[in-house]
Amino acid sequence: MVAFIGAAQAAGSWSAQVPGMMVAMSDRESVSQPATPPAEASIGGGVIDRVHWRLDVPPGEGVNAWLCHPQQCVALSGMRGTVTALAGRQADAPLRFRFALRPGQRPVRVQGLQVIVNYQ
């Protein structure tokens, strides 16, 4: 085992909000604009530790939702939560929300799209 004393990467976080969108089809996914780190973020070669996410749909409505890194998508189980399945992926890569209606469902407006990326 090799130990690098003092070589640990500093932890940090970045957050982004993206515009809401209308999800209108069950057979084709709707994709949000990318959530990207702000220009002043100094991520370097940092990797994701966890991602906190949030979205809002009208009361009584639901939608199939995923959070996607360029290398992997993760199914979301509600309107807010934390994902660790993207751990180890590049922290400076854009993240996108993907949505699809359930069969027979009427169009739904999804708003309040936000991510907070914790990285190391």
Protein backbone atom coordinates (compact mmCIF):
# COMPACT_ATOMS: atom_id res chain seq x y z
CA MET A 1 0.00 0.00 0.00
CA VAL A 2 1.29 3.45 -0.90
CA ALA A 3 0.30 6.47 1.19
CA PHE A 4 0.57 10.04 -0.10
CA ILE A 5 0.74 12.26 2.94
CA GLY A 6 -0.51 15.78 2.26
CA ALA A 7 -1.68 14.91 -1.25
CA ALA A 8 -5.39 14.74 -0.45
CA GLN A 9 -7.56 16.80 -2.75
CA ALA A 10 -9.58 19.54 -1.10
CA ALA A 11 -13.31 18.89 -0.95
CA GLY A 12 -15.78 21.39 -2.31
CA SER A 13 -19.21 21.86 -3.80
CA TRP A 14 -21.00 23.68 -6.57
CA SER A 15 -24.67 24.27 -7.23
CA ALA A 16 -26.74 25.13 -10.26
CA GLN A 17 -30.35 25.70 -11.20
CA VAL A 18 -31.78 25.09 -14.65
CA PRO A 19 -35.02 26.36 -16.20
CA GLY A 20 -38.19 24.34 -15.77
CA MET A 21 -39.73 22.53 -18.70
CA MET A 22 -42.89 20.93 -20.03
CA VAL A 23 -42.79 17.13 -20.21
CA ALA A 24 -45.27 16.13 -22.88
CA MET A 25 -44.48 12.58 -24.09
CA SER A 26 -44.26 9.10 -22.59
CA ASP A 27 -42.43 7.53 -25.53
CA ARG A 28 -39.64 10.13 -25.76
CA GLU A 29 -37.59 11.64 -22.96
CA SER A 30 -37.44 15.37 -22.36
CA VAL A 31 -33.96 16.62 -21.44
CA SER A 32 -33.19 19.73 -19.40
CA GLN A 33 -30.57 22.32 -20.12
CA PRO A 34 -27.22 21.35 -18.56
CA ALA A 35 -26.43 22.14 -14.95
CA THR A 36 -22.80 23.24 -15.01
CA PRO A 37 -20.41 24.49 -12.35
CA PRO A 38 -20.07 28.26 -12.12
CA ALA A 39 -17.05 29.76 -13.90
CA GLU A 40 -15.40 30.68 -10.60
CA ALA A 41 -15.51 27.07 -9.28
CA SER A 42 -12.02 25.64 -8.89
CA ILE A 43 -12.72 21.94 -9.31
CA GLY A 44 -9.45 20.82 -10.87
CA GLY A 45 -9.53 17.04 -11.24
CA GLY A 46 -12.16 16.64 -8.53
CA VAL A 47 -14.57 13.73 -8.57
CA ILE A 48 -18.16 13.58 -7.38
CA ASP A 49 -18.81 12.36 -3.86
CA ARG A 50 -22.59 12.90 -3.91
CA VAL A 51 -25.23 14.98 -5.65
CA HIS A 52 -28.23 16.54 -3.90
CA TRP A 53 -31.09 17.25 -6.29
CA ARG A 54 -34.51 18.86 -6.26
CA LEU A 55 -37.40 19.26 -8.66
CA ASP A 56 -41.03 20.35 -8.35
CA VAL A 57 -44.13 19.00 -10.06
CA PRO A 58 -47.74 20.05 -9.44
CA PRO A 59 -49.49 18.38 -6.47
CA GLY A 60 -50.85 14.95 -7.37
CA GLU A 61 -48.67 14.67 -10.49
CA GLY A 62 -45.64 12.48 -11.05
CA VAL A 63 -43.08 11.92 -13.74
CA ASN A 64 -40.32 9.40 -14.42
CA ALA A 65 -37.06 11.22 -13.73
CA TRP A 66 -33.32 10.61 -14.06
CA LEU A 67 -30.22 12.64 -13.29
CA CYS A 68 -27.56 12.16 -15.95
CA HIS A 69 -23.80 12.62 -16.01
CA PRO A 70 -22.28 12.20 -19.50
CA GLN A 71 -21.17 8.69 -18.45
CA GLN A 72 -24.20 7.47 -16.47
CA CYS A 73 -27.86 8.14 -15.63
CA VAL A 74 -29.47 7.47 -12.26
CA ALA A 75 -33.22 7.06 -11.70
CA LEU A 76 -34.68 9.55 -9.20
CA SER A 77 -37.23 8.36 -6.67
CA GLY A 78 -39.05 11.56 -5.72
CA MET A 79 -38.90 15.33 -5.78
CA ARG A 80 -35.68 15.65 -3.77
CA GLY A 81 -32.90 13.45 -2.56
CA THR A 82 -29.23 12.53 -2.64
CA VAL A 83 -27.48 10.35 -5.21
CA THR A 84 -24.18 8.58 -4.51
CA ALA A 85 -24.26 6.38 -7.63
CA LEU A 86 -22.32 9.07 -9.56
CA ALA A 87 -19.42 8.98 -7.07
CA GLY A 88 -16.04 8.92 -8.78
CA ARG A 89 -17.26 10.64 -11.97
CA GLN A 90 -15.75 13.98 -13.07
CA ALA A 91 -17.17 16.77 -10.91
CA ASP A 92 -16.88 19.43 -13.61
CA ALA A 93 -19.05 17.56 -16.15
CA PRO A 94 -22.52 18.92 -16.96
CA LEU A 95 -25.50 17.19 -15.36
CA ARG A 96 -28.92 16.99 -17.01
CA PHE A 97 -32.34 15.98 -15.81
CA ARG A 98 -34.30 13.60 -18.06
CA PHE A 99 -38.05 13.09 -17.80
CA ALA A 100 -40.72 10.91 -19.35
CA LEU A 101 -44.44 10.72 -18.71
CA ARG A 102 -46.07 7.52 -17.58
CA PRO A 103 -48.31 5.89 -20.25
CA GLY A 104 -51.61 7.76 -20.55
CA GLN A 105 -50.44 10.67 -18.42
CA ARG A 106 -51.20 14.27 -19.37
CA PRO A 107 -48.32 16.76 -19.88
CA VAL A 108 -46.63 18.00 -16.70
CA ARG A 109 -44.58 21.14 -16.04
CA VAL A 110 -41.44 20.37 -14.04
CA GLN A 111 -39.82 23.33 -12.26
CA GLY A 112 -37.30 24.14 -9.54
CA LEU A 113 -34.57 21.98 -11.07
CA GLN A 114 -31.50 22.21 -8.87
CA VAL A 115 -28.35 20.22 -8.13
CA ILE A 116 -25.68 20.60 -5.47
CA VAL A 117 -22.57 18.61 -6.30
CA ASN A 118 -20.20 17.67 -3.47
CA TYR A 119 -16.77 16.64 -4.74
CA GLN A 120 -13.31 15.68 -3.58
